[in-house]
């Protein structure tokens, strides 16, 4: 087996890659900032360009104490957000005081062939220093053959002074292309925060 060595070991000397080598990475498609927003919707940029899309939500702060950040999808460019889904939801938690900690499946927060919005956080606190951050991966949303899988990971400070790490996953049970997503709080507005949409190559 032949070994190839670079004559110049400096990465800064590389100006381009051969066409046969994919650079990969994340491409920012859109960014929206909440400001007392009832909903935030992404109705463009989700198509067959990428097989995977990622939403990153950063410092989501609710106006209403104890509300959950949630999302849903649309197959009709945002006219309706009611795609049937089956999901799972479990969480690890630890209280600031150390008084309680654990890992549990949250049966009340999953969905079995329902069309409602899926929670991706627990009961977020609305004090000035409380918020939640995480990401949602959507796989092949433009497929007209398969269902659309998603996975979400989030950490937030709940209104009971707990750090809670949330794991949510499931599938949108449709063979229609999913082309829009909406985010909201379970109660009240999204007081502040940023949501970014990326395509993964």
N, C-alpha and C. Protein backbone atom coordinates (compact mmCIF):
# COMPACT_ATOMS: atom_id res chain seq x y z
N UNK A 1 0.84 -1.18 0.00
CA UNK A 1 0.00 0.00 0.00
C UNK A 1 0.89 1.24 0.00
N UNK A 2 0.61 2.15 -0.92
CA UNK A 2 1.41 3.38 -1.02
C UNK A 2 0.89 4.41 -0.05
N UNK A 3 1.80 5.16 0.57
CA UNK A 3 1.45 6.26 1.46
C UNK A 3 1.73 7.57 0.77
N UNK A 4 0.75 8.48 0.84
CA UNK A 4 0.93 9.79 0.23
C UNK A 4 1.14 10.82 1.32
N UNK A 5 2.11 11.70 1.14
CA UNK A 5 2.40 12.74 2.12
C UNK A 5 2.28 14.10 1.46
N UNK A 6 1.76 15.05 2.21
CA UNK A 6 1.66 16.41 1.70
C UNK A 6 3.02 17.09 1.81
N UNK A 7 3.39 17.80 0.76
CA UNK A 7 4.65 18.54 0.79
C UNK A 7 4.54 19.80 1.64
N UNK A 8 3.30 20.32 1.78
CA UNK A 8 3.10 21.52 2.57
C UNK A 8 2.09 21.18 3.66
N UNK A 9 2.51 21.23 4.91
CA UNK A 9 1.65 20.80 6.01
C UNK A 9 0.72 21.88 6.51
N UNK A 10 0.73 23.05 5.92
CA UNK A 10 -0.10 24.15 6.38
C UNK A 10 -1.48 24.09 5.75
N UNK A 11 -2.54 24.00 6.58
CA UNK A 11 -3.91 24.00 6.04
C UNK A 11 -4.23 25.31 5.35
N UNK A 12 -3.59 26.39 5.78
CA UNK A 12 -3.86 27.69 5.17
C UNK A 12 -3.40 27.74 3.72
N UNK A 13 -2.53 26.80 3.33
CA UNK A 13 -2.05 26.77 1.95
C UNK A 13 -3.06 26.15 1.00
N UNK A 14 -4.08 25.48 1.54
CA UNK A 14 -5.10 24.84 0.70
C UNK A 14 -6.11 25.89 0.27
N UNK A 15 -6.24 26.11 -1.02
CA UNK A 15 -7.17 27.12 -1.53
C UNK A 15 -8.44 26.53 -2.10
N UNK A 16 -8.43 25.25 -2.48
CA UNK A 16 -9.62 24.60 -3.02
C UNK A 16 -9.46 23.10 -2.93
N UNK A 17 -10.60 22.40 -2.97
CA UNK A 17 -10.61 20.95 -2.95
C UNK A 17 -10.88 20.42 -4.35
N UNK A 18 -10.34 19.25 -4.67
CA UNK A 18 -10.69 18.63 -5.96
C UNK A 18 -12.19 18.40 -6.04
N UNK A 19 -12.72 18.44 -7.25
CA UNK A 19 -14.16 18.28 -7.45
C UNK A 19 -14.68 16.97 -6.90
N UNK A 20 -13.84 15.95 -6.81
CA UNK A 20 -14.27 14.63 -6.34
C UNK A 20 -14.41 14.57 -4.83
N UNK A 21 -13.94 15.61 -4.11
CA UNK A 21 -14.01 15.62 -2.65
C UNK A 21 -15.08 16.58 -2.20
N UNK A 22 -16.03 16.08 -1.41
CA UNK A 22 -17.09 16.93 -0.88
C UNK A 22 -16.64 17.62 0.39
N UNK A 23 -16.89 18.91 0.48
CA UNK A 23 -16.51 19.66 1.68
C UNK A 23 -17.43 19.39 2.85
N UNK A 24 -18.71 19.05 2.57
CA UNK A 24 -19.67 18.79 3.63
C UNK A 24 -19.96 20.03 4.45
N UNK A 25 -20.63 19.84 5.57
CA UNK A 25 -20.87 20.94 6.48
C UNK A 25 -22.30 21.43 6.48
N UNK A 26 -22.51 22.53 7.20
CA UNK A 26 -23.83 23.11 7.40
C UNK A 26 -23.93 24.42 6.64
N UNK A 27 -25.07 24.60 5.98
CA UNK A 27 -25.34 25.85 5.26
C UNK A 27 -26.51 26.55 5.92
N UNK A 28 -26.27 27.78 6.39
CA UNK A 28 -27.35 28.55 7.00
C UNK A 28 -28.32 28.99 5.92
N UNK A 29 -29.59 28.62 6.08
CA UNK A 29 -30.62 28.95 5.11
C UNK A 29 -31.42 30.17 5.55
N UNK A 30 -31.76 30.20 6.84
CA UNK A 30 -32.61 31.28 7.33
C UNK A 30 -32.44 31.41 8.84
N UNK A 31 -32.61 32.63 9.33
CA UNK A 31 -32.55 32.89 10.77
C UNK A 31 -33.69 33.84 11.14
N UNK A 32 -34.40 33.51 12.23
CA UNK A 32 -35.48 34.38 12.71
C UNK A 32 -35.29 34.63 14.20
N UNK A 33 -35.60 35.85 14.60
CA UNK A 33 -35.47 36.26 16.00
C UNK A 33 -36.85 36.54 16.57
N UNK A 34 -37.15 35.93 17.69
CA UNK A 34 -38.45 36.15 18.35
C UNK A 34 -38.43 37.44 19.14
N UNK A 35 -39.54 38.13 19.11
CA UNK A 35 -39.74 39.32 19.94
C UNK A 35 -41.22 39.40 20.28
N UNK A 36 -41.58 38.79 21.41
CA UNK A 36 -43.00 38.67 21.80
C UNK A 36 -43.81 38.06 20.65
N UNK A 37 -43.28 37.00 20.07
CA UNK A 37 -43.89 36.38 18.88
C UNK A 37 -44.84 35.26 19.27
N UNK A 38 -46.04 35.27 18.70
CA UNK A 38 -46.99 34.19 18.98
C UNK A 38 -46.53 32.91 18.29
N UNK A 39 -45.99 33.03 17.08
CA UNK A 39 -45.45 31.88 16.34
C UNK A 39 -44.26 32.35 15.51
N UNK A 40 -43.42 31.40 15.14
CA UNK A 40 -42.37 31.64 14.15
C UNK A 40 -42.46 30.51 13.14
N UNK A 41 -42.60 30.86 11.86
CA UNK A 41 -42.80 29.86 10.81
C UNK A 41 -41.69 29.94 9.78
N UNK A 42 -41.29 28.77 9.30
CA UNK A 42 -40.33 28.65 8.20
C UNK A 42 -41.08 28.03 7.03
N UNK A 43 -41.39 28.84 6.02
CA UNK A 43 -42.22 28.39 4.90
C UNK A 43 -41.46 28.33 3.59
N UNK A 44 -40.15 28.55 3.63
CA UNK A 44 -39.33 28.45 2.42
C UNK A 44 -37.97 27.87 2.78
N UNK A 45 -37.28 27.37 1.77
CA UNK A 45 -35.94 26.83 1.99
C UNK A 45 -35.88 25.38 2.37
N UNK A 46 -37.04 24.73 2.53
CA UNK A 46 -37.08 23.31 2.89
C UNK A 46 -37.58 22.53 1.68
N UNK A 47 -36.66 21.92 0.96
CA UNK A 47 -37.01 21.24 -0.28
C UNK A 47 -36.05 20.06 -0.47
N UNK A 48 -35.84 19.63 -1.70
CA UNK A 48 -34.99 18.46 -1.94
C UNK A 48 -33.52 18.82 -2.15
N UNK A 49 -33.14 20.05 -1.80
CA UNK A 49 -31.74 20.45 -1.91
C UNK A 49 -30.86 19.64 -0.96
N UNK A 50 -31.37 19.38 0.25
CA UNK A 50 -30.62 18.63 1.26
C UNK A 50 -31.44 17.44 1.74
N UNK A 51 -30.74 16.39 2.16
CA UNK A 51 -31.41 15.22 2.74
C UNK A 51 -31.66 15.40 4.23
N UNK A 52 -30.97 16.35 4.85
CA UNK A 52 -31.13 16.59 6.28
C UNK A 52 -31.16 18.09 6.53
N UNK A 53 -32.07 18.51 7.40
CA UNK A 53 -32.17 19.90 7.83
C UNK A 53 -32.09 19.94 9.35
N UNK A 54 -31.51 21.02 9.87
CA UNK A 54 -31.39 21.19 11.31
C UNK A 54 -31.91 22.57 11.71
N UNK A 55 -32.80 22.57 12.69
CA UNK A 55 -33.21 23.82 13.35
C UNK A 55 -32.43 23.93 14.65
N UNK A 56 -31.77 25.04 14.86
CA UNK A 56 -31.12 25.33 16.14
C UNK A 56 -31.90 26.44 16.81
N UNK A 57 -32.39 26.16 18.02
CA UNK A 57 -33.11 27.20 18.77
C UNK A 57 -32.25 27.59 19.98
N UNK A 58 -32.04 28.88 20.12
CA UNK A 58 -31.04 29.41 21.04
C UNK A 58 -31.68 30.40 22.01
N UNK A 59 -31.53 30.13 23.30
CA UNK A 59 -32.04 31.01 24.36
C UNK A 59 -33.52 31.35 24.17
N UNK A 60 -34.33 30.30 23.99
CA UNK A 60 -35.77 30.50 23.87
C UNK A 60 -36.34 30.85 25.25
N UNK A 61 -36.92 32.03 25.34
CA UNK A 61 -37.42 32.56 26.62
C UNK A 61 -38.92 32.77 26.52
N UNK A 62 -39.72 32.09 27.32
CA UNK A 62 -41.17 32.22 27.23
C UNK A 62 -41.69 33.45 27.96
N UNK A 63 -42.78 34.00 27.46
CA UNK A 63 -43.45 35.07 28.19
C UNK A 63 -44.23 34.53 29.38
N UNK A 64 -44.73 33.30 29.23
CA UNK A 64 -45.56 32.68 30.27
C UNK A 64 -44.76 31.63 31.02
N UNK A 65 -44.69 31.75 32.32
CA UNK A 65 -43.93 30.81 33.14
C UNK A 65 -44.51 29.40 33.03
N UNK A 66 -43.63 28.42 32.86
CA UNK A 66 -44.07 27.04 32.84
C UNK A 66 -44.63 26.58 31.50
N UNK A 67 -44.41 27.31 30.43
CA UNK A 67 -44.89 26.88 29.12
C UNK A 67 -43.80 26.11 28.37
N UNK A 68 -44.20 25.33 27.39
CA UNK A 68 -43.28 24.46 26.64
C UNK A 68 -43.10 24.98 25.21
N UNK A 69 -41.89 24.89 24.72
CA UNK A 69 -41.58 25.21 23.33
C UNK A 69 -41.95 24.00 22.48
N UNK A 70 -42.64 24.21 21.36
CA UNK A 70 -43.14 23.10 20.58
C UNK A 70 -43.16 23.44 19.08
N UNK A 71 -43.31 22.39 18.26
CA UNK A 71 -43.30 22.61 16.81
C UNK A 71 -44.23 21.63 16.11
N UNK A 72 -44.55 21.97 14.85
CA UNK A 72 -45.35 21.10 14.00
C UNK A 72 -44.94 21.35 12.56
N UNK A 73 -45.41 20.50 11.66
CA UNK A 73 -45.01 20.57 10.26
C UNK A 73 -46.24 20.73 9.37
N UNK A 74 -45.95 21.13 8.13
CA UNK A 74 -46.99 21.35 7.13
C UNK A 74 -46.59 20.68 5.82
N UNK A 75 -47.58 20.17 5.11
CA UNK A 75 -47.35 19.62 3.76
C UNK A 75 -47.93 20.55 2.69
N UNK A 76 -48.49 21.68 3.10
CA UNK A 76 -49.14 22.59 2.14
C UNK A 76 -48.60 24.01 2.25
N UNK A 77 -47.28 24.11 2.44
CA UNK A 77 -46.58 25.40 2.47
C UNK A 77 -47.06 26.33 3.57
N UNK A 78 -47.55 25.76 4.66
CA UNK A 78 -47.90 26.55 5.83
C UNK A 78 -49.36 26.92 5.96
N UNK A 79 -50.22 26.41 5.09
CA UNK A 79 -51.65 26.68 5.25
C UNK A 79 -52.20 25.98 6.48
N UNK A 80 -51.67 24.78 6.77
CA UNK A 80 -52.08 24.01 7.94
C UNK A 80 -50.84 23.36 8.57
N UNK A 81 -50.79 23.38 9.89
CA UNK A 81 -49.72 22.69 10.62
C UNK A 81 -50.36 21.58 11.45
N UNK A 82 -50.55 20.44 10.81
CA UNK A 82 -51.32 19.37 11.44
C UNK A 82 -50.94 17.99 10.92
N UNK A 83 -49.65 17.78 10.65
CA UNK A 83 -49.21 16.50 10.11
C UNK A 83 -49.28 15.43 11.20
N UNK A 84 -49.83 14.28 10.89
CA UNK A 84 -49.93 13.16 11.83
C UNK A 84 -48.53 12.66 12.19
N UNK A 85 -48.33 12.42 13.49
CA UNK A 85 -47.00 12.00 13.94
C UNK A 85 -47.11 11.02 15.10
N UNK A 86 -46.08 10.19 15.24
CA UNK A 86 -45.92 9.34 16.41
C UNK A 86 -44.54 9.64 16.99
N UNK A 87 -44.48 9.88 18.32
CA UNK A 87 -43.25 10.42 18.91
C UNK A 87 -42.94 9.78 20.27
N UNK A 88 -41.73 10.04 20.73
CA UNK A 88 -41.30 9.63 22.07
C UNK A 88 -40.75 10.86 22.80
N UNK A 89 -40.69 10.79 24.12
CA UNK A 89 -40.23 11.94 24.92
C UNK A 89 -39.68 11.41 26.24
N UNK A 90 -38.38 11.64 26.48
CA UNK A 90 -37.85 11.32 27.81
C UNK A 90 -36.88 12.40 28.25
N UNK A 91 -36.62 12.45 29.54
CA UNK A 91 -35.86 13.56 30.09
C UNK A 91 -35.00 13.13 31.28
N UNK A 92 -33.88 13.83 31.39
CA UNK A 92 -33.03 13.72 32.59
C UNK A 92 -33.10 15.08 33.29
N UNK A 93 -33.15 15.07 34.61
CA UNK A 93 -33.30 16.34 35.33
C UNK A 93 -32.48 16.34 36.61
N UNK A 94 -32.11 17.55 37.04
CA UNK A 94 -31.35 17.73 38.27
C UNK A 94 -31.68 19.11 38.82
N UNK A 95 -32.13 19.16 40.05
CA UNK A 95 -32.51 20.42 40.68
C UNK A 95 -31.28 21.17 41.18
N UNK A 96 -31.35 22.52 41.13
CA UNK A 96 -30.22 23.34 41.57
C UNK A 96 -29.78 22.99 42.99
N UNK A 97 -30.73 22.73 43.85
CA UNK A 97 -30.42 22.42 45.25
C UNK A 97 -29.85 21.01 45.43
N UNK A 98 -29.92 20.18 44.39
CA UNK A 98 -29.53 18.79 44.50
C UNK A 98 -30.58 17.92 45.15
N UNK A 99 -31.75 18.50 45.42
CA UNK A 99 -32.80 17.78 46.12
C UNK A 99 -33.46 16.68 45.32
N UNK A 100 -33.43 16.80 43.99
CA UNK A 100 -34.04 15.75 43.17
C UNK A 100 -33.28 15.63 41.86
N UNK A 101 -33.25 14.42 41.35
CA UNK A 101 -32.61 14.13 40.07
C UNK A 101 -33.16 12.81 39.56
N UNK A 102 -33.13 12.63 38.25
CA UNK A 102 -33.64 11.37 37.73
C UNK A 102 -33.67 11.35 36.22
N UNK A 103 -34.13 10.21 35.71
CA UNK A 103 -34.30 9.97 34.28
C UNK A 103 -35.65 9.31 34.11
N UNK A 104 -36.49 9.86 33.24
CA UNK A 104 -37.84 9.31 33.11
C UNK A 104 -38.40 9.46 31.70
N UNK A 105 -39.25 8.51 31.33
CA UNK A 105 -40.04 8.64 30.11
C UNK A 105 -41.31 9.40 30.48
N UNK A 106 -41.68 10.39 29.66
CA UNK A 106 -42.84 11.22 29.95
C UNK A 106 -43.99 10.83 29.03
N UNK A 107 -44.82 9.91 29.50
CA UNK A 107 -45.91 9.39 28.67
C UNK A 107 -46.87 10.47 28.24
N UNK A 108 -47.11 11.46 29.10
CA UNK A 108 -48.08 12.50 28.78
C UNK A 108 -47.60 13.45 27.69
N UNK A 109 -46.30 13.38 27.33
CA UNK A 109 -45.75 14.35 26.38
C UNK A 109 -45.41 13.74 25.03
N UNK A 110 -45.69 12.45 24.84
CA UNK A 110 -45.51 11.87 23.51
C UNK A 110 -46.82 11.95 22.74
N UNK A 111 -46.77 11.58 21.47
CA UNK A 111 -47.95 11.63 20.61
C UNK A 111 -48.06 10.29 19.88
N UNK A 112 -49.26 9.73 19.83
CA UNK A 112 -49.50 8.48 19.11
C UNK A 112 -50.51 8.75 18.00
N UNK A 113 -50.01 8.91 16.79
CA UNK A 113 -50.84 9.18 15.62
C UNK A 113 -51.75 10.39 15.84
N UNK A 114 -51.17 11.46 16.35
CA UNK A 114 -51.89 12.69 16.57
C UNK A 114 -51.38 13.80 15.68
N UNK A 115 -52.13 14.88 15.59
CA UNK A 115 -51.77 15.99 14.71
C UNK A 115 -51.36 17.25 15.47
N UNK A 116 -51.33 17.18 16.80
CA UNK A 116 -51.01 18.36 17.60
C UNK A 116 -49.53 18.72 17.55
N UNK A 117 -49.20 19.85 18.17
CA UNK A 117 -47.81 20.29 18.25
C UNK A 117 -47.03 19.42 19.24
N UNK A 118 -45.78 19.12 18.88
CA UNK A 118 -44.91 18.30 19.71
C UNK A 118 -44.04 19.18 20.60
N UNK A 119 -44.08 18.93 21.92
CA UNK A 119 -43.18 19.64 22.84
C UNK A 119 -41.75 19.17 22.63
N UNK A 120 -40.81 20.12 22.67
CA UNK A 120 -39.38 19.77 22.64
C UNK A 120 -38.66 20.32 23.87
N UNK A 121 -39.40 20.94 24.79
CA UNK A 121 -38.84 21.36 26.08
C UNK A 121 -39.81 20.95 27.17
N UNK A 122 -39.33 21.10 28.41
CA UNK A 122 -40.20 20.96 29.56
C UNK A 122 -40.83 22.31 29.89
N UNK A 123 -41.17 22.50 31.15
CA UNK A 123 -41.84 23.72 31.60
C UNK A 123 -40.80 24.82 31.82
N UNK A 124 -40.52 25.59 30.77
CA UNK A 124 -39.49 26.62 30.86
C UNK A 124 -39.90 27.74 31.80
N UNK A 125 -38.91 28.25 32.55
CA UNK A 125 -39.17 29.39 33.42
C UNK A 125 -39.08 30.69 32.65
N UNK A 126 -39.80 31.71 33.14
CA UNK A 126 -39.77 33.00 32.43
C UNK A 126 -39.04 34.09 33.21
N UNK A 127 -38.26 33.71 34.24
CA UNK A 127 -37.43 34.71 34.88
C UNK A 127 -36.35 35.15 33.89
N UNK A 128 -35.75 36.31 34.18
CA UNK A 128 -34.82 36.91 33.22
C UNK A 128 -33.67 35.99 32.82
N UNK A 129 -33.23 35.11 33.73
CA UNK A 129 -32.08 34.25 33.43
C UNK A 129 -32.47 32.86 32.97
N UNK A 130 -33.74 32.61 32.68
CA UNK A 130 -34.20 31.26 32.34
C UNK A 130 -34.53 31.16 30.85
N UNK A 131 -34.13 30.04 30.25
CA UNK A 131 -34.38 29.83 28.82
C UNK A 131 -34.08 28.37 28.47
N UNK A 132 -34.28 28.02 27.21
CA UNK A 132 -33.95 26.68 26.71
C UNK A 132 -33.27 26.77 25.36
N UNK A 133 -32.36 25.84 25.08
CA UNK A 133 -31.65 25.81 23.80
C UNK A 133 -31.51 24.37 23.33
N UNK A 134 -31.46 24.19 22.01
CA UNK A 134 -31.29 22.84 21.48
C UNK A 134 -31.37 22.82 19.98
N UNK A 135 -31.63 21.63 19.43
CA UNK A 135 -31.70 21.48 17.98
C UNK A 135 -32.65 20.35 17.60
N UNK A 136 -33.19 20.46 16.39
CA UNK A 136 -34.10 19.46 15.83
C UNK A 136 -33.56 19.06 14.46
N UNK A 137 -33.36 17.76 14.25
CA UNK A 137 -32.91 17.24 12.96
C UNK A 137 -34.12 16.63 12.23
N UNK A 138 -34.29 17.04 10.97
CA UNK A 138 -35.36 16.51 10.11
C UNK A 138 -34.70 15.80 8.94
N UNK A 139 -35.11 14.56 8.67
CA UNK A 139 -34.46 13.75 7.65
C UNK A 139 -35.34 13.60 6.40
N UNK A 140 -34.77 13.97 5.27
CA UNK A 140 -35.38 13.80 3.95
C UNK A 140 -36.84 14.26 3.92
N UNK A 141 -37.10 15.53 4.24
CA UNK A 141 -38.49 16.00 4.30
C UNK A 141 -39.20 16.03 2.96
N UNK A 142 -38.45 16.01 1.85
CA UNK A 142 -39.09 16.08 0.54
C UNK A 142 -39.44 14.71 -0.04
N UNK A 143 -39.14 13.65 0.68
CA UNK A 143 -39.45 12.31 0.18
C UNK A 143 -40.95 12.14 -0.04
N UNK A 144 -41.32 11.55 -1.16
CA UNK A 144 -42.72 11.19 -1.39
C UNK A 144 -42.90 9.68 -1.34
N UNK A 145 -41.90 9.00 -0.75
CA UNK A 145 -41.96 7.54 -0.58
C UNK A 145 -42.04 7.15 0.89
N UNK A 146 -41.26 7.82 1.75
CA UNK A 146 -41.13 7.40 3.13
C UNK A 146 -41.70 8.43 4.10
N UNK A 147 -41.94 7.97 5.35
CA UNK A 147 -42.28 8.89 6.41
C UNK A 147 -41.07 9.77 6.73
N UNK A 148 -41.25 10.84 7.51
CA UNK A 148 -40.17 11.80 7.77
C UNK A 148 -39.75 11.71 9.24
N UNK A 149 -38.56 11.22 9.50
CA UNK A 149 -38.07 11.06 10.86
C UNK A 149 -37.48 12.37 11.38
N UNK A 150 -37.57 12.55 12.70
CA UNK A 150 -36.92 13.70 13.33
C UNK A 150 -36.40 13.29 14.70
N UNK A 151 -35.38 14.01 15.16
CA UNK A 151 -34.83 13.85 16.51
C UNK A 151 -34.54 15.23 17.07
N UNK A 152 -34.80 15.42 18.36
CA UNK A 152 -34.56 16.69 19.01
C UNK A 152 -33.82 16.48 20.32
N UNK A 153 -32.93 17.41 20.62
CA UNK A 153 -32.21 17.41 21.89
C UNK A 153 -32.23 18.83 22.44
N UNK A 154 -32.59 18.99 23.70
CA UNK A 154 -32.71 20.32 24.30
C UNK A 154 -32.30 20.29 25.75
N UNK A 155 -31.75 21.41 26.22
CA UNK A 155 -31.54 21.60 27.65
C UNK A 155 -32.14 22.94 28.04
N UNK A 156 -32.85 22.94 29.13
CA UNK A 156 -33.48 24.18 29.58
C UNK A 156 -33.53 24.28 31.09
N UNK A 157 -33.73 25.50 31.55
CA UNK A 157 -33.95 25.72 32.97
C UNK A 157 -35.45 25.82 33.19
N UNK A 158 -35.98 24.88 33.93
CA UNK A 158 -37.41 24.86 34.18
C UNK A 158 -37.79 25.84 35.28
N UNK A 159 -39.10 26.06 35.40
CA UNK A 159 -39.58 27.03 36.38
C UNK A 159 -39.50 26.51 37.81
N UNK A 160 -39.07 25.26 38.00
CA UNK A 160 -38.86 24.73 39.35
C UNK A 160 -37.37 24.62 39.67
N UNK A 161 -36.57 25.47 39.01
CA UNK A 161 -35.13 25.55 39.25
C UNK A 161 -34.42 24.22 38.99
N UNK A 162 -34.80 23.57 37.90
CA UNK A 162 -34.14 22.34 37.48
C UNK A 162 -33.49 22.53 36.12
N UNK A 163 -32.33 21.89 35.93
CA UNK A 163 -31.77 21.72 34.60
C UNK A 163 -32.37 20.44 34.04
N UNK A 164 -33.03 20.55 32.88
CA UNK A 164 -33.71 19.39 32.31
C UNK A 164 -33.22 19.18 30.88
N UNK A 165 -32.71 17.99 30.60
CA UNK A 165 -32.25 17.62 29.27
C UNK A 165 -33.33 16.75 28.63
N UNK A 166 -33.86 17.22 27.50
CA UNK A 166 -35.01 16.58 26.86
C UNK A 166 -34.58 15.88 25.58
N UNK A 167 -35.04 14.65 25.40
CA UNK A 167 -34.80 13.88 24.18
C UNK A 167 -36.17 13.56 23.55
N UNK A 168 -36.40 14.09 22.36
CA UNK A 168 -37.66 13.86 21.65
C UNK A 168 -37.34 13.30 20.27
N UNK A 169 -38.14 12.36 19.81
CA UNK A 169 -37.93 11.80 18.47
C UNK A 169 -39.25 11.24 17.96
N UNK A 170 -39.31 11.01 16.67
CA UNK A 170 -40.51 10.43 16.10
C UNK A 170 -40.50 10.53 14.59
N UNK A 171 -41.70 10.38 14.01
CA UNK A 171 -41.80 10.51 12.56
C UNK A 171 -43.14 11.16 12.21
N UNK A 172 -43.07 11.98 11.16
CA UNK A 172 -44.29 12.52 10.56
C UNK A 172 -44.81 11.44 9.62
N UNK A 173 -45.99 10.94 9.92
CA UNK A 173 -46.51 9.77 9.21
C UNK A 173 -47.23 10.20 7.93
N UNK A 174 -46.44 10.67 6.98
CA UNK A 174 -46.98 11.07 5.70
C UNK A 174 -45.95 10.77 4.62
N UNK A 175 -46.42 10.41 3.42
CA UNK A 175 -45.53 10.25 2.28
C UNK A 175 -45.56 11.50 1.40
N UNK A 176 -46.28 12.53 1.83
CA UNK A 176 -46.22 13.82 1.14
C UNK A 176 -44.98 14.57 1.60
N UNK A 177 -44.46 15.43 0.76
CA UNK A 177 -43.31 16.24 1.14
C UNK A 177 -43.71 17.20 2.26
N UNK A 178 -42.86 17.30 3.26
CA UNK A 178 -43.04 18.27 4.34
C UNK A 178 -42.21 19.50 3.98
N UNK A 179 -42.85 20.68 3.91
CA UNK A 179 -42.14 21.84 3.38
C UNK A 179 -42.19 23.09 4.26
N UNK A 180 -42.82 23.01 5.42
CA UNK A 180 -42.89 24.16 6.32
C UNK A 180 -42.96 23.69 7.76
N UNK A 181 -42.42 24.52 8.68
CA UNK A 181 -42.45 24.21 10.11
C UNK A 181 -42.83 25.45 10.90
N UNK A 182 -43.57 25.23 11.97
CA UNK A 182 -43.97 26.34 12.85
C UNK A 182 -43.56 26.03 14.29
N UNK A 183 -43.10 27.07 14.98
CA UNK A 183 -42.69 27.00 16.38
C UNK A 183 -43.57 27.93 17.21
N UNK A 184 -43.87 27.50 18.43
CA UNK A 184 -44.67 28.31 19.33
C UNK A 184 -44.47 27.82 20.76
N UNK A 185 -45.01 28.59 21.71
CA UNK A 185 -45.07 28.14 23.09
C UNK A 185 -46.44 27.49 23.32
N UNK A 186 -46.52 26.57 24.26
CA UNK A 186 -47.80 25.93 24.57
C UNK A 186 -48.79 26.92 25.14
N UNK A 187 -48.28 28.01 25.72
CA UNK A 187 -49.12 29.07 26.26
C UNK A 187 -48.37 30.38 26.16
N UNK A 188 -49.00 31.42 25.67
CA UNK A 188 -48.35 32.72 25.57
C UNK A 188 -47.38 32.81 24.40
N UNK A 189 -46.59 33.87 24.41
CA UNK A 189 -45.68 34.17 23.31
C UNK A 189 -44.27 33.65 23.56
N UNK A 190 -43.49 33.59 22.47
CA UNK A 190 -42.04 33.43 22.58
C UNK A 190 -41.49 34.83 22.84
N UNK A 191 -41.09 35.09 24.07
CA UNK A 191 -40.67 36.44 24.43
C UNK A 191 -39.41 36.84 23.67
N UNK A 192 -38.43 35.93 23.60
CA UNK A 192 -37.18 36.21 22.88
C UNK A 192 -36.52 34.89 22.52
N UNK A 193 -35.50 34.98 21.69
CA UNK A 193 -34.76 33.79 21.25
C UNK A 193 -34.52 33.82 19.76
N UNK A 194 -33.65 32.95 19.30
CA UNK A 194 -33.28 32.86 17.90
C UNK A 194 -33.49 31.43 17.40
N UNK A 195 -34.01 31.29 16.19
CA UNK A 195 -34.14 29.98 15.54
C UNK A 195 -33.43 30.06 14.19
N UNK A 196 -32.51 29.13 13.96
CA UNK A 196 -31.75 29.08 12.71
C UNK A 196 -32.04 27.78 11.98
N UNK A 197 -32.19 27.86 10.68
CA UNK A 197 -32.41 26.69 9.83
C UNK A 197 -31.17 26.45 8.98
N UNK A 198 -30.64 25.22 9.05
CA UNK A 198 -29.47 24.83 8.29
C UNK A 198 -29.78 23.65 7.38
N UNK A 199 -29.13 23.61 6.23
CA UNK A 199 -29.12 22.42 5.39
C UNK A 199 -27.80 21.68 5.61
N UNK A 200 -27.85 20.35 5.67
CA UNK A 200 -26.66 19.54 5.92
C UNK A 200 -26.26 18.83 4.64
N UNK A 201 -25.03 19.08 4.20
CA UNK A 201 -24.55 18.44 2.97
C UNK A 201 -23.53 17.37 3.31
